[in-house]
Amino acid sequence: MPWTAITAAVMVSVLLGADQVTRKIALEQMSPLVVGALSNTVGSVALLAYSFKRTTKWYPQSRAIWRMHAISAGLMVAVTLIALVGVHLTTAGRAAIFNSVHPLFIVLLASRIGSKPEVITPMQVTGMIVSFFGVVIVFSNRLAGAPSTMWQGDLMILASAFVLSLLLIHVRRVTQFVDPLQAITWQVVLSVPGFWAAALFFNNPIILHADTKTWLAILYQGLLIAGFTFVLRAELIRKFGAGRISAFFFITPIVGVVLGAATFGDDLGLRTVIGCLVVLLGVTAVQNAGRIQMGWKRFFQELKQPIHKKIDE
């Protein structure tokens, strides 16, 4: 991957990590479903306006494309609803750990789903596992005090992580037929009725009273996340594959912890630093899997050579 793509992937992970903080701010005064409905409404308006101005291919040209966009929207709503149930049944720390499994799901699915499955090397899988353990190290001090229903919540978070991986793999397939901007635009637009329907069902009446900080958080989620980050993520996955890009997603929960500490005054501690280093080690291993494997191959070839041959050389 060129450095520009690596920089873009890191930026996506950082913006998504900051989104965890803005959601925490918004949820202080609004319910999760209302926040999702509002942010996706804002994102829909921004994406439609930009799509109409930027390209003539903003409107789906066939029923097959419409179906793919509808599936994306349905998966997007499902991820949110399943995760909300899971968070209520487990702790935030456990939820962060189990949600961070989704890059591993992406790797497994990307190598098996679709007409052109991605080639995933053992070194890439190893790097993913290393990054996951880095996330576990960061959140290891937040696993205490879990309720008796925590295993149910853990399963729900795992399910939402799996559905999220399905969504990203599906978006990769959609972008083989349409522009990433169109793919994300209709994913977000078609998800809005689902979010509002869920909000009306679970949070009736809907309360929108909030301060300026809350509305700024919703604008961040709508404009920067739904209106920009999702599109950039889809473009990166389309160009470089879901397996390679998903390794950067392990950075997201780390960024959320660091920014949360800066915003709410939480103590980071030594385990956060160690966990960050382990995550970066794993991401580096994934991005340089070919070079690392080649280096190990040469190393073992050197070991197999007779000692007298090495001395003669």
Protein backbone atom coordinates (compact mmCIF):
# COMPACT_ATOMS: atom_id res chain seq x y z
CA MET A 1 0.00 0.00 0.00
CA PRO A 2 1.28 3.51 -0.77
CA TRP A 3 1.77 5.91 2.11
CA THR A 4 -1.19 8.00 0.98
CA ALA A 5 -3.49 4.98 1.40
CA ILE A 6 -1.95 4.11 4.78
CA THR A 7 -2.47 7.70 5.93
CA ALA A 8 -6.08 7.60 4.73
CA ALA A 9 -6.71 4.27 6.53
CA VAL A 10 -5.25 5.65 9.77
CA MET A 11 -7.37 8.79 9.39
CA VAL A 12 -10.51 6.65 8.97
CA SER A 13 -9.65 4.74 12.16
CA VAL A 14 -8.97 7.96 14.09
CA LEU A 15 -12.23 9.57 12.96
CA LEU A 16 -14.18 6.45 13.91
CA GLY A 17 -12.41 6.41 17.27
CA ALA A 18 -13.38 10.03 17.87
CA ASP A 19 -16.94 9.07 16.94
CA GLN A 20 -17.04 6.87 20.05
CA VAL A 21 -16.46 9.99 22.15
CA THR A 22 -19.06 12.10 20.30
CA ARG A 23 -21.61 9.31 20.71
CA LYS A 24 -20.92 9.25 24.45
CA ILE A 25 -21.53 13.01 24.54
CA ALA A 26 -24.75 12.78 22.53
CA LEU A 27 -26.08 9.85 24.57
CA GLU A 28 -25.99 11.95 27.72
CA GLN A 29 -29.17 13.71 26.57
CA MET A 30 -30.66 11.51 23.82
CA SER A 31 -31.39 7.83 23.34
CA PRO A 32 -29.09 5.81 21.04
CA LEU A 33 -31.76 5.22 18.39
CA VAL A 34 -32.66 8.92 18.24
CA VAL A 35 -28.98 9.80 17.90
CA GLY A 36 -28.64 7.26 15.08
CA ALA A 37 -31.75 8.55 13.33
CA LEU A 38 -30.65 12.19 13.56
CA SER A 39 -27.04 11.60 12.52
CA ASN A 40 -28.05 9.45 9.54
CA THR A 41 -30.63 12.04 8.49
CA VAL A 42 -27.93 14.71 8.51
CA GLY A 43 -25.59 12.38 6.64
CA SER A 44 -28.26 11.58 4.04
CA VAL A 45 -28.84 15.24 3.23
CA ALA A 46 -25.09 15.91 2.95
CA LEU A 47 -24.43 12.80 0.83
CA LEU A 48 -27.35 13.42 -1.54
CA ALA A 49 -26.37 17.06 -2.03
CA TYR A 50 -22.73 16.22 -2.68
CA SER A 51 -23.54 13.22 -4.89
CA PHE A 52 -25.93 15.22 -7.06
CA LYS A 53 -23.31 17.95 -7.52
CA ARG A 54 -20.28 15.69 -8.03
CA THR A 55 -21.39 12.90 -10.36
CA THR A 56 -24.15 11.95 -12.79
CA LYS A 57 -24.03 8.35 -11.51
CA TRP A 58 -25.57 9.11 -8.13
CA TYR A 59 -28.89 7.39 -8.92
CA PRO A 60 -29.08 3.55 -9.06
CA GLN A 61 -29.73 2.39 -12.62
CA SER A 62 -31.24 -1.05 -12.02
CA ARG A 63 -33.34 -3.05 -9.59
CA ALA A 64 -30.35 -5.26 -8.80
CA ILE A 65 -28.38 -2.20 -7.61
CA TRP A 66 -31.37 -1.02 -5.59
CA ARG A 67 -31.51 -4.43 -3.89
CA MET A 68 -27.82 -4.26 -2.99
CA HIS A 69 -28.26 -0.78 -1.50
CA ALA A 70 -31.31 -1.97 0.46
CA ILE A 71 -29.29 -4.89 1.86
CA SER A 72 -26.54 -2.45 2.94
CA ALA A 73 -29.09 -0.26 4.71
CA GLY A 74 -30.70 -3.24 6.42
CA LEU A 75 -27.35 -4.50 7.67
CA MET A 76 -26.47 -1.02 8.91
CA VAL A 77 -29.65 -0.80 11.00
CA ALA A 78 -29.20 -4.38 12.23
CA VAL A 79 -25.66 -3.68 13.45
CA THR A 80 -26.88 -0.76 15.53
CA LEU A 81 -29.91 -2.52 17.02
CA ILE A 82 -28.01 -5.70 17.95
CA ALA A 83 -25.14 -3.71 19.47
CA LEU A 84 -27.54 -1.59 21.55
CA VAL A 85 -29.08 -4.71 23.08
CA GLY A 86 -25.64 -6.18 23.76
CA VAL A 87 -24.28 -3.05 25.45
CA HIS A 88 -27.17 -3.08 27.92
CA LEU A 89 -26.36 -6.67 28.93
CA THR A 90 -22.60 -6.41 29.34
CA THR A 91 -19.95 -3.87 30.33
CA ALA A 92 -18.47 -1.20 28.08
CA GLY A 93 -15.02 -2.77 28.32
CA ARG A 94 -16.22 -6.21 27.29
CA ALA A 95 -18.29 -4.68 24.49
CA ALA A 96 -15.23 -2.87 23.13
CA ILE A 97 -13.19 -6.09 23.13
CA PHE A 98 -15.83 -8.25 21.46
CA ASN A 99 -16.68 -5.55 18.92
CA SER A 100 -13.00 -5.35 17.95
CA VAL A 101 -13.24 -8.94 16.68
CA HIS A 102 -14.92 -7.70 13.48
CA PRO A 103 -11.63 -7.26 11.56
CA LEU A 104 -10.95 -10.96 12.15
CA PHE A 105 -14.41 -11.78 10.82
CA ILE A 106 -13.69 -9.59 7.79
CA VAL A 107 -10.50 -11.53 7.04
CA LEU A 108 -12.29 -14.87 7.28
CA LEU A 109 -15.22 -13.75 5.14
CA ALA A 110 -13.11 -11.89 2.57
CA SER A 111 -11.18 -15.06 1.82
CA ARG A 112 -14.34 -17.11 1.26
CA ILE A 113 -17.18 -14.87 0.05
CA GLY A 114 -17.67 -13.42 -3.41
CA SER A 115 -16.70 -14.23 -6.96
CA LYS A 116 -13.16 -13.00 -6.28
CA PRO A 117 -12.16 -14.04 -2.74
CA GLU A 118 -9.14 -12.23 -1.29
CA VAL A 119 -5.90 -14.08 -0.65
CA ILE A 120 -5.15 -13.95 3.08
CA THR A 121 -1.71 -15.11 4.20
CA PRO A 122 -0.89 -16.75 7.57
CA MET A 123 1.23 -13.73 8.47
CA GLN A 124 -1.74 -11.40 7.97
CA VAL A 125 -3.88 -13.57 10.24
CA THR A 126 -1.10 -13.59 12.83
CA GLY A 127 -0.89 -9.80 12.70
CA MET A 128 -4.65 -9.55 13.19
CA ILE A 129 -4.51 -11.80 16.25
CA VAL A 130 -1.63 -9.76 17.71
CA SER A 131 -3.63 -6.54 17.24
CA PHE A 132 -6.67 -8.09 18.89
CA PHE A 133 -4.61 -9.03 21.96
CA GLY A 134 -3.39 -5.43 22.05
CA VAL A 135 -7.01 -4.29 22.34
CA VAL A 136 -7.59 -6.86 25.09
CA ILE A 137 -4.61 -5.46 27.01
CA VAL A 138 -6.01 -1.93 26.81
CA PHE A 139 -9.44 -2.92 28.13
CA SER A 140 -8.33 -5.63 30.56
CA ASN A 141 -8.84 -3.37 33.56
CA ARG A 142 -12.47 -2.70 32.57
CA LEU A 143 -13.73 -6.26 32.69
CA ALA A 144 -14.59 -6.37 36.39
CA GLY A 145 -18.06 -5.80 37.77
CA ALA A 146 -19.94 -7.38 34.89
CA PRO A 147 -23.62 -8.33 35.44
CA SER A 148 -24.78 -11.94 35.51
CA THR A 149 -26.17 -11.57 31.99
CA MET A 150 -22.79 -10.55 30.57
CA TRP A 151 -22.44 -13.68 28.43
CA GLN A 152 -25.70 -12.80 26.67
CA GLY A 153 -24.43 -9.30 25.99
CA ASP A 154 -21.08 -10.65 24.83
CA LEU A 155 -22.85 -12.89 22.31
CA MET A 156 -24.92 -9.96 21.08
CA ILE A 157 -21.81 -7.81 20.61
CA LEU A 158 -20.13 -10.69 18.76
CA ALA A 159 -23.22 -10.96 16.58
CA SER A 160 -23.13 -7.23 15.81
CA ALA A 161 -19.41 -7.50 14.98
CA PHE A 162 -20.20 -10.36 12.59
CA VAL A 163 -23.01 -8.37 10.93
CA LEU A 164 -20.66 -5.37 10.65
CA SER A 165 -18.12 -7.54 8.85
CA LEU A 166 -20.88 -8.75 6.52
CA LEU A 167 -21.82 -5.12 5.84
CA LEU A 168 -18.26 -4.12 4.93
CA ILE A 169 -17.79 -7.20 2.73
CA HIS A 170 -21.12 -6.46 1.05
CA VAL A 171 -20.15 -2.82 0.46
CA ARG A 172 -16.95 -4.06 -1.17
CA ARG A 173 -19.09 -6.13 -3.54
CA VAL A 174 -21.39 -3.18 -4.26
CA THR A 175 -18.43 -0.95 -5.15
CA GLN A 176 -17.50 -3.40 -7.89
CA PHE A 177 -20.63 -2.18 -9.72
CA VAL A 178 -21.09 1.43 -8.59
CA ASP A 179 -19.04 4.32 -7.28
CA PRO A 180 -18.26 4.15 -3.50
CA LEU A 181 -20.01 7.48 -3.07
CA GLN A 182 -23.24 6.07 -4.49
CA ALA A 183 -22.87 2.88 -2.41
CA ILE A 184 -22.60 4.77 0.88
CA THR A 185 -25.12 7.46 -0.06
CA TRP A 186 -27.95 4.99 -0.54
CA GLN A 187 -26.81 2.83 2.35
CA VAL A 188 -27.27 5.80 4.66
CA VAL A 189 -30.36 7.23 2.95
CA LEU A 190 -32.27 3.95 2.96
CA SER A 191 -31.32 3.28 6.59
CA VAL A 192 -32.99 6.48 7.84
CA PRO A 193 -36.59 5.12 7.82
CA GLY A 194 -35.41 2.05 9.74
CA PHE A 195 -33.72 4.16 12.41
CA TRP A 196 -36.73 6.47 12.82
CA ALA A 197 -39.13 3.50 12.95
CA ALA A 198 -37.02 1.86 15.67
CA ALA A 199 -36.76 5.15 17.55
CA LEU A 200 -40.54 5.65 17.44
CA PHE A 201 -41.15 2.08 18.59
CA PHE A 202 -38.70 2.03 21.49
CA ASN A 203 -38.53 5.73 22.45
CA ASN A 204 -42.02 7.10 21.96
CA PRO A 205 -42.34 10.04 22.52
CA ILE A 206 -39.05 11.19 21.01
CA ILE A 207 -37.32 13.91 23.02
CA LEU A 208 -35.01 16.25 21.09
CA HIS A 209 -34.14 18.73 23.83
CA ALA A 210 -30.34 19.01 23.94
CA ASP A 211 -27.55 21.55 24.35
CA THR A 212 -25.15 22.84 21.72
CA LYS A 213 -22.50 20.23 22.56
CA THR A 214 -24.95 17.41 21.82
CA TRP A 215 -26.00 18.85 18.46
CA LEU A 216 -22.36 19.36 17.49
CA ALA A 217 -21.72 15.70 18.30
CA ILE A 218 -24.64 14.68 16.05
CA LEU A 219 -23.32 16.91 13.25
CA TYR A 220 -19.93 15.23 13.59
CA GLN A 221 -21.51 11.82 13.25
CA GLY A 222 -23.67 12.88 10.32
CA LEU A 223 -21.20 14.97 8.31
CA LEU A 224 -17.76 13.57 9.10
CA ILE A 225 -18.66 9.93 9.78
CA ALA A 226 -21.66 9.10 7.56
CA GLY A 227 -20.89 11.82 5.01
CA PHE A 228 -17.13 11.34 4.65
CA THR A 229 -15.51 8.52 6.63
CA PHE A 230 -17.82 5.77 5.37
CA VAL A 231 -17.15 6.80 1.76
CA LEU A 232 -13.39 6.88 2.25
CA ARG A 233 -13.47 3.50 4.00
CA ALA A 234 -15.47 2.00 1.13
CA GLU A 235 -12.99 3.41 -1.41
CA LEU A 236 -10.01 1.97 0.49
CA ILE A 237 -11.64 -1.45 0.78
CA ARG A 238 -12.49 -1.41 -2.92
CA LYS A 239 -8.92 -0.58 -3.96
CA PHE A 240 -6.83 -2.53 -1.46
CA GLY A 241 -9.13 -5.28 -0.18
CA ALA A 242 -11.09 -5.72 3.01
CA GLY A 243 -8.44 -7.92 4.61
CA ARG A 244 -5.62 -5.38 4.48
CA ILE A 245 -7.72 -2.35 5.38
CA SER A 246 -9.52 -4.06 8.26
CA ALA A 247 -6.22 -4.36 10.16
CA PHE A 248 -6.31 -0.60 10.72
CA PHE A 249 -9.70 -0.89 12.44
CA PHE A 250 -7.98 -2.21 15.57
CA ILE A 251 -6.73 1.35 16.03
CA THR A 252 -10.29 2.65 16.44
CA PRO A 253 -11.00 1.47 20.03
CA ILE A 254 -7.52 2.62 21.09
CA VAL A 255 -8.20 6.11 19.74
CA GLY A 256 -11.56 6.08 21.52
CA VAL A 257 -9.86 5.31 24.84
CA VAL A 258 -7.18 7.98 24.39
CA LEU A 259 -9.61 10.70 23.28
CA GLY A 260 -12.05 9.67 26.00
CA ALA A 261 -9.32 10.12 28.59
CA ALA A 262 -8.49 13.55 27.19
CA THR A 263 -12.16 14.58 27.12
CA PHE A 264 -13.44 13.10 30.38
CA GLY A 265 -10.21 13.09 32.39
CA ASP A 266 -9.81 9.31 32.62
CA ASP A 267 -6.46 7.80 33.57
CA LEU A 268 -4.79 5.89 30.72
CA GLY A 269 -2.19 3.87 32.61
CA LEU A 270 0.74 1.77 31.45
CA ARG A 271 -1.42 -1.04 30.01
CA THR A 272 -2.87 1.41 27.47
CA VAL A 273 0.60 2.29 26.22
CA ILE A 274 1.59 -1.38 26.02
CA GLY A 275 -1.67 -2.27 24.28
CA CYS A 276 -1.19 0.52 21.72
CA LEU A 277 2.30 -0.74 20.90
CA VAL A 278 1.00 -4.30 20.48
CA VAL A 279 -1.79 -3.11 18.17
CA LEU A 280 0.67 -1.14 16.05
CA LEU A 281 2.95 -4.18 15.91
CA GLY A 282 0.08 -6.31 14.61
CA VAL A 283 -1.00 -3.72 12.03
CA THR A 284 2.58 -3.39 10.82
CA ALA A 285 2.83 -7.17 10.48
CA VAL A 286 -0.33 -7.26 8.35
CA GLN A 287 0.83 -4.49 6.04
CA ASN A 288 4.32 -5.98 5.64
CA ALA A 289 3.29 -9.65 5.61
CA GLY A 290 4.99 -10.32 2.28
CA ARG A 291 8.32 -8.83 3.34
CA ILE A 292 8.26 -10.59 6.70
CA GLN A 293 7.52 -13.96 5.12
CA MET A 294 10.29 -13.43 2.57
CA GLY A 295 12.71 -12.52 5.36
CA TRP A 296 11.85 -15.64 7.34
CA LYS A 297 12.22 -17.75 4.21
CA ARG A 298 15.71 -16.41 3.58
CA PHE A 299 16.60 -16.88 7.24
CA PHE A 300 15.66 -20.57 7.20
CA GLN A 301 17.44 -21.03 3.87
CA GLU A 302 20.57 -19.66 5.52
CA LEU A 303 20.19 -22.09 8.40
CA LYS A 304 19.95 -25.02 6.00
CA GLN A 305 23.23 -24.17 4.29
CA PRO A 306 26.26 -26.22 5.47
CA ILE A 307 28.57 -24.40 7.85
CA HIS A 308 31.64 -24.96 5.67
CA LYS A 309 29.84 -23.32 2.72
CA LYS A 310 29.13 -20.25 4.80
CA ILE A 311 32.79 -20.05 5.86
CA ASP A 312 33.98 -20.36 2.24
CA GLU A 313 31.66 -17.56 1.22
